[in-house]
Amino acid sequence: MLGNEYKGRSRRDQLMQRLAEEARVQAVTTDDDEQQASVAEILSKLKDRDREILMLSYWDDLTTAELAESLGCTASAAAVRLHRARKAFAKAAPQHLMTEREV
């Protein structure tokens, strides 16, 4: 009987840990989905030039030199365009989206 009690406690503890982990993962996934939808909405409201350079920089992970080459401009012009696009995004985004979150 004592062995069964220990096994039952162990199974109950494992179940509680698994449920807590699933709840945490679900909360993170929901937050990520909401943030992705918010980012997509903000990007759709930006000018085409701003959206293009942000997508190239973040989605395609291009460096400033690679951005300049793909846009047909100098590296400094690409850096300025990227800076302006980031400012436009930040201006259009709600504050909670612009704060960094801890992982």
N, C-alpha and C. Protein backbone atom coordinates (compact mmCIF):
# COMPACT_ATOMS: atom_id res chain seq x y z
N MET A 1 0.82 -1.19 0.00
CA MET A 1 0.00 0.00 0.00
C MET A 1 0.87 1.26 0.00
N LEU A 2 1.92 1.20 0.75
CA LEU A 2 2.79 2.36 0.84
C LEU A 2 3.45 2.65 -0.51
N GLY A 3 3.86 1.59 -1.20
CA GLY A 3 4.46 1.74 -2.53
C GLY A 3 3.48 2.35 -3.53
N ASN A 4 2.24 1.91 -3.49
CA ASN A 4 1.22 2.46 -4.37
C ASN A 4 0.98 3.95 -4.09
N GLU A 5 1.02 4.33 -2.81
CA GLU A 5 0.85 5.74 -2.45
C GLU A 5 1.98 6.58 -3.03
N TYR A 6 3.21 6.10 -2.92
CA TYR A 6 4.36 6.83 -3.49
C TYR A 6 4.25 6.95 -5.01
N LYS A 7 3.87 5.84 -5.65
CA LYS A 7 3.70 5.87 -7.11
C LYS A 7 2.60 6.87 -7.50
N GLY A 8 1.50 6.87 -6.77
CA GLY A 8 0.41 7.79 -7.05
C GLY A 8 0.84 9.24 -6.89
N ARG A 9 1.59 9.52 -5.84
CA ARG A 9 2.09 10.88 -5.64
C ARG A 9 3.02 11.29 -6.77
N SER A 10 3.88 10.36 -7.14
CA SER A 10 4.83 10.65 -8.22
C SER A 10 4.09 10.94 -9.52
N ARG A 11 3.10 10.11 -9.86
CA ARG A 11 2.32 10.33 -11.08
C ARG A 11 1.56 11.66 -11.01
N ARG A 12 1.01 11.98 -9.85
CA ARG A 12 0.28 13.23 -9.67
C ARG A 12 1.22 14.43 -9.85
N ASP A 13 2.42 14.36 -9.26
CA ASP A 13 3.40 15.43 -9.41
C ASP A 13 3.82 15.60 -10.87
N GLN A 14 4.04 14.48 -11.56
CA GLN A 14 4.42 14.55 -12.98
C GLN A 14 3.30 15.16 -13.81
N LEU A 15 2.06 14.80 -13.51
CA LEU A 15 0.92 15.35 -14.22
C LEU A 15 0.82 16.85 -14.00
N MET A 16 0.99 17.29 -12.77
CA MET A 16 0.92 18.72 -12.46
C MET A 16 2.03 19.49 -13.19
N GLN A 17 3.23 18.93 -13.23
CA GLN A 17 4.32 19.57 -13.94
C GLN A 17 4.03 19.66 -15.44
N ARG A 18 3.52 18.58 -16.01
CA ARG A 18 3.20 18.57 -17.43
C ARG A 18 2.10 19.58 -17.76
N LEU A 19 1.07 19.64 -16.93
CA LEU A 19 -0.01 20.60 -17.16
C LEU A 19 0.49 22.05 -17.03
N ALA A 20 1.35 22.30 -16.07
CA ALA A 20 1.91 23.64 -15.91
C ALA A 20 2.75 24.02 -17.12
N GLU A 21 3.53 23.09 -17.62
CA GLU A 21 4.36 23.35 -18.80
C GLU A 21 3.49 23.59 -20.04
N GLU A 22 2.45 22.80 -20.22
CA GLU A 22 1.54 22.99 -21.35
C GLU A 22 0.84 24.34 -21.27
N ALA A 23 0.45 24.75 -20.09
CA ALA A 23 -0.20 26.06 -19.93
C ALA A 23 0.77 27.18 -20.26
N ARG A 24 2.03 27.05 -19.84
CA ARG A 24 3.04 28.06 -20.13
C ARG A 24 3.30 28.14 -21.63
N VAL A 25 3.44 27.01 -22.29
CA VAL A 25 3.67 26.99 -23.74
C VAL A 25 2.48 27.57 -24.48
N GLN A 26 1.28 27.25 -24.05
CA GLN A 26 0.07 27.78 -24.70
C GLN A 26 0.01 29.30 -24.56
N ALA A 27 0.37 29.82 -23.40
CA ALA A 27 0.34 31.27 -23.19
C ALA A 27 1.36 31.96 -24.08
N VAL A 28 2.56 31.39 -24.21
CA VAL A 28 3.59 31.97 -25.06
C VAL A 28 3.17 31.92 -26.52
N THR A 29 2.61 30.81 -26.96
CA THR A 29 2.17 30.66 -28.34
C THR A 29 1.08 31.67 -28.67
N THR A 30 0.13 31.86 -27.78
CA THR A 30 -0.94 32.82 -28.00
C THR A 30 -0.39 34.23 -28.10
N ASP A 31 0.54 34.58 -27.20
CA ASP A 31 1.17 35.89 -27.24
C ASP A 31 1.92 36.10 -28.55
N ASP A 32 2.67 35.08 -28.99
CA ASP A 32 3.42 35.18 -30.24
C ASP A 32 2.49 35.38 -31.43
N ASP A 33 1.38 34.65 -31.48
CA ASP A 33 0.42 34.78 -32.57
C ASP A 33 -0.16 36.19 -32.61
N GLU A 34 -0.49 36.72 -31.45
CA GLU A 34 -1.05 38.07 -31.37
C GLU A 34 -0.02 39.10 -31.82
N GLN A 35 1.23 38.92 -31.40
CA GLN A 35 2.27 39.85 -31.80
C GLN A 35 2.53 39.79 -33.29
N GLN A 36 2.54 38.60 -33.85
CA GLN A 36 2.77 38.46 -35.29
C GLN A 36 1.64 39.13 -36.07
N ALA A 37 0.43 38.98 -35.62
CA ALA A 37 -0.70 39.63 -36.29
C ALA A 37 -0.57 41.15 -36.18
N SER A 38 -0.15 41.65 -35.03
CA SER A 38 0.03 43.09 -34.85
C SER A 38 1.13 43.61 -35.76
N VAL A 39 2.24 42.89 -35.84
CA VAL A 39 3.35 43.31 -36.70
C VAL A 39 2.92 43.32 -38.16
N ALA A 40 2.21 42.29 -38.58
CA ALA A 40 1.73 42.23 -39.97
C ALA A 40 0.80 43.40 -40.28
N GLU A 41 -0.06 43.75 -39.33
CA GLU A 41 -0.97 44.87 -39.54
C GLU A 41 -0.21 46.19 -39.66
N ILE A 42 0.77 46.38 -38.80
CA ILE A 42 1.57 47.61 -38.85
C ILE A 42 2.34 47.69 -40.16
N LEU A 43 2.95 46.58 -40.57
CA LEU A 43 3.69 46.56 -41.83
C LEU A 43 2.79 46.91 -43.01
N SER A 44 1.56 46.45 -42.97
CA SER A 44 0.65 46.73 -44.09
C SER A 44 0.30 48.22 -44.18
N LYS A 45 0.42 48.93 -43.08
CA LYS A 45 0.10 50.36 -43.07
C LYS A 45 1.29 51.24 -43.48
N LEU A 46 2.50 50.67 -43.51
CA LEU A 46 3.68 51.45 -43.87
C LEU A 46 3.76 51.68 -45.38
N LYS A 47 4.58 52.65 -45.75
CA LYS A 47 4.85 52.89 -47.17
C LYS A 47 5.57 51.66 -47.74
N ASP A 48 5.41 51.46 -49.04
CA ASP A 48 6.03 50.31 -49.69
C ASP A 48 7.54 50.29 -49.50
N ARG A 49 8.18 51.46 -49.61
CA ARG A 49 9.64 51.53 -49.46
C ARG A 49 10.07 51.10 -48.05
N ASP A 50 9.34 51.56 -47.05
CA ASP A 50 9.67 51.19 -45.67
C ASP A 50 9.45 49.71 -45.42
N ARG A 51 8.31 49.21 -45.88
CA ARG A 51 8.00 47.80 -45.70
C ARG A 51 9.05 46.93 -46.39
N GLU A 52 9.44 47.33 -47.61
CA GLU A 52 10.42 46.54 -48.37
C GLU A 52 11.74 46.43 -47.63
N ILE A 53 12.26 47.54 -47.15
CA ILE A 53 13.58 47.48 -46.51
C ILE A 53 13.52 46.76 -45.16
N LEU A 54 12.42 46.90 -44.44
CA LEU A 54 12.28 46.17 -43.19
C LEU A 54 12.20 44.67 -43.43
N MET A 55 11.44 44.28 -44.44
CA MET A 55 11.34 42.85 -44.76
C MET A 55 12.68 42.28 -45.22
N LEU A 56 13.40 43.03 -46.04
CA LEU A 56 14.70 42.56 -46.49
C LEU A 56 15.67 42.44 -45.31
N SER A 57 15.62 43.40 -44.42
CA SER A 57 16.53 43.41 -43.30
C SER A 57 16.21 42.31 -42.28
N TYR A 58 14.94 42.20 -41.90
CA TYR A 58 14.58 41.27 -40.82
C TYR A 58 14.16 39.90 -41.32
N TRP A 59 13.39 39.85 -42.37
CA TRP A 59 12.91 38.56 -42.87
C TRP A 59 14.02 37.83 -43.61
N ASP A 60 14.70 38.54 -44.52
CA ASP A 60 15.77 37.91 -45.30
C ASP A 60 17.12 38.02 -44.61
N ASP A 61 17.18 38.75 -43.50
CA ASP A 61 18.38 38.87 -42.68
C ASP A 61 19.58 39.40 -43.49
N LEU A 62 19.34 40.45 -44.28
CA LEU A 62 20.41 41.04 -45.09
C LEU A 62 21.18 42.08 -44.28
N THR A 63 22.48 42.16 -44.55
CA THR A 63 23.31 43.19 -43.94
C THR A 63 23.06 44.50 -44.68
N THR A 64 23.64 45.59 -44.15
CA THR A 64 23.46 46.89 -44.80
C THR A 64 24.06 46.87 -46.21
N ALA A 65 25.20 46.24 -46.36
CA ALA A 65 25.83 46.15 -47.68
C ALA A 65 24.95 45.35 -48.65
N GLU A 66 24.38 44.26 -48.17
CA GLU A 66 23.49 43.46 -49.02
C GLU A 66 22.21 44.22 -49.35
N LEU A 67 21.71 44.98 -48.37
CA LEU A 67 20.54 45.82 -48.64
C LEU A 67 20.84 46.82 -49.75
N ALA A 68 22.01 47.47 -49.65
CA ALA A 68 22.40 48.46 -50.63
C ALA A 68 22.48 47.84 -52.02
N GLU A 69 23.05 46.66 -52.10
CA GLU A 69 23.19 45.99 -53.39
C GLU A 69 21.82 45.64 -53.97
N SER A 70 20.94 45.11 -53.14
CA SER A 70 19.62 44.70 -53.66
C SER A 70 18.74 45.91 -54.00
N LEU A 71 18.96 47.04 -53.32
CA LEU A 71 18.17 48.24 -53.58
C LEU A 71 18.81 49.15 -54.63
N GLY A 72 20.05 48.86 -54.98
CA GLY A 72 20.74 49.66 -55.98
C GLY A 72 21.13 51.04 -55.47
N CYS A 73 21.59 51.10 -54.24
CA CYS A 73 22.03 52.37 -53.66
C CYS A 73 23.30 52.14 -52.86
N THR A 74 23.82 53.20 -52.26
CA THR A 74 25.03 53.05 -51.46
C THR A 74 24.66 52.46 -50.09
N ALA A 75 25.68 51.98 -49.40
CA ALA A 75 25.45 51.40 -48.08
C ALA A 75 24.94 52.45 -47.10
N SER A 76 25.47 53.67 -47.20
CA SER A 76 25.01 54.72 -46.28
C SER A 76 23.55 55.09 -46.57
N ALA A 77 23.16 55.12 -47.84
CA ALA A 77 21.76 55.41 -48.18
C ALA A 77 20.85 54.30 -47.67
N ALA A 78 21.30 53.05 -47.78
CA ALA A 78 20.51 51.93 -47.28
C ALA A 78 20.36 52.01 -45.76
N ALA A 79 21.44 52.41 -45.07
CA ALA A 79 21.38 52.55 -43.61
C ALA A 79 20.40 53.65 -43.20
N VAL A 80 20.41 54.75 -43.93
CA VAL A 80 19.48 55.84 -43.62
C VAL A 80 18.04 55.39 -43.88
N ARG A 81 17.80 54.71 -44.99
CA ARG A 81 16.45 54.22 -45.30
C ARG A 81 15.96 53.25 -44.23
N LEU A 82 16.86 52.37 -43.78
CA LEU A 82 16.50 51.41 -42.75
C LEU A 82 16.19 52.13 -41.44
N HIS A 83 16.98 53.11 -41.09
CA HIS A 83 16.75 53.88 -39.87
C HIS A 83 15.39 54.57 -39.93
N ARG A 84 15.07 55.18 -41.05
CA ARG A 84 13.79 55.87 -41.21
C ARG A 84 12.62 54.89 -41.17
N ALA A 85 12.82 53.73 -41.78
CA ALA A 85 11.75 52.72 -41.77
C ALA A 85 11.51 52.21 -40.36
N ARG A 86 12.58 52.03 -39.60
CA ARG A 86 12.43 51.59 -38.20
C ARG A 86 11.67 52.64 -37.39
N LYS A 87 11.99 53.91 -37.61
CA LYS A 87 11.29 54.98 -36.90
C LYS A 87 9.81 55.00 -37.28
N ALA A 88 9.51 54.81 -38.57
CA ALA A 88 8.11 54.79 -39.01
C ALA A 88 7.37 53.62 -38.37
N PHE A 89 8.03 52.47 -38.29
CA PHE A 89 7.42 51.30 -37.67
C PHE A 89 7.16 51.57 -36.19
N ALA A 90 8.17 52.13 -35.51
CA ALA A 90 8.02 52.41 -34.08
C ALA A 90 6.91 53.41 -33.82
N LYS A 91 6.77 54.38 -34.70
CA LYS A 91 5.72 55.38 -34.54
C LYS A 91 4.33 54.76 -34.72
N ALA A 92 4.22 53.81 -35.62
CA ALA A 92 2.93 53.18 -35.90
C ALA A 92 2.58 52.06 -34.92
N ALA A 93 3.59 51.55 -34.22
CA ALA A 93 3.37 50.40 -33.34
C ALA A 93 2.92 50.83 -31.94
N PRO A 94 2.08 50.03 -31.31
CA PRO A 94 1.72 50.31 -29.92
C PRO A 94 2.94 50.09 -29.02
N GLN A 95 2.98 50.78 -27.91
CA GLN A 95 4.15 50.75 -27.02
C GLN A 95 4.47 49.34 -26.53
N HIS A 96 3.47 48.53 -26.22
CA HIS A 96 3.74 47.20 -25.68
C HIS A 96 4.48 46.31 -26.68
N LEU A 97 4.36 46.61 -27.95
CA LEU A 97 5.05 45.83 -28.97
C LEU A 97 6.51 46.23 -29.09
N MET A 98 6.83 47.45 -28.69
CA MET A 98 8.18 47.96 -28.85
C MET A 98 9.08 47.66 -27.65
N THR A 99 8.54 47.12 -26.58
CA THR A 99 9.37 46.77 -25.43
C THR A 99 9.88 45.37 -25.60
N GLU A 100 11.10 45.16 -25.16
CA GLU A 100 11.68 43.82 -25.27
C GLU A 100 11.13 42.96 -24.15
N ARG A 101 10.89 41.71 -24.48
CA ARG A 101 10.40 40.81 -23.47
C ARG A 101 11.50 39.84 -23.08
N GLU A 102 11.43 39.36 -21.86
CA GLU A 102 12.43 38.41 -21.39
C GLU A 102 11.97 37.02 -21.73
N VAL A 103 12.95 36.19 -22.08
CA VAL A 103 12.64 34.82 -22.47
C VAL A 103 12.85 33.90 -21.30
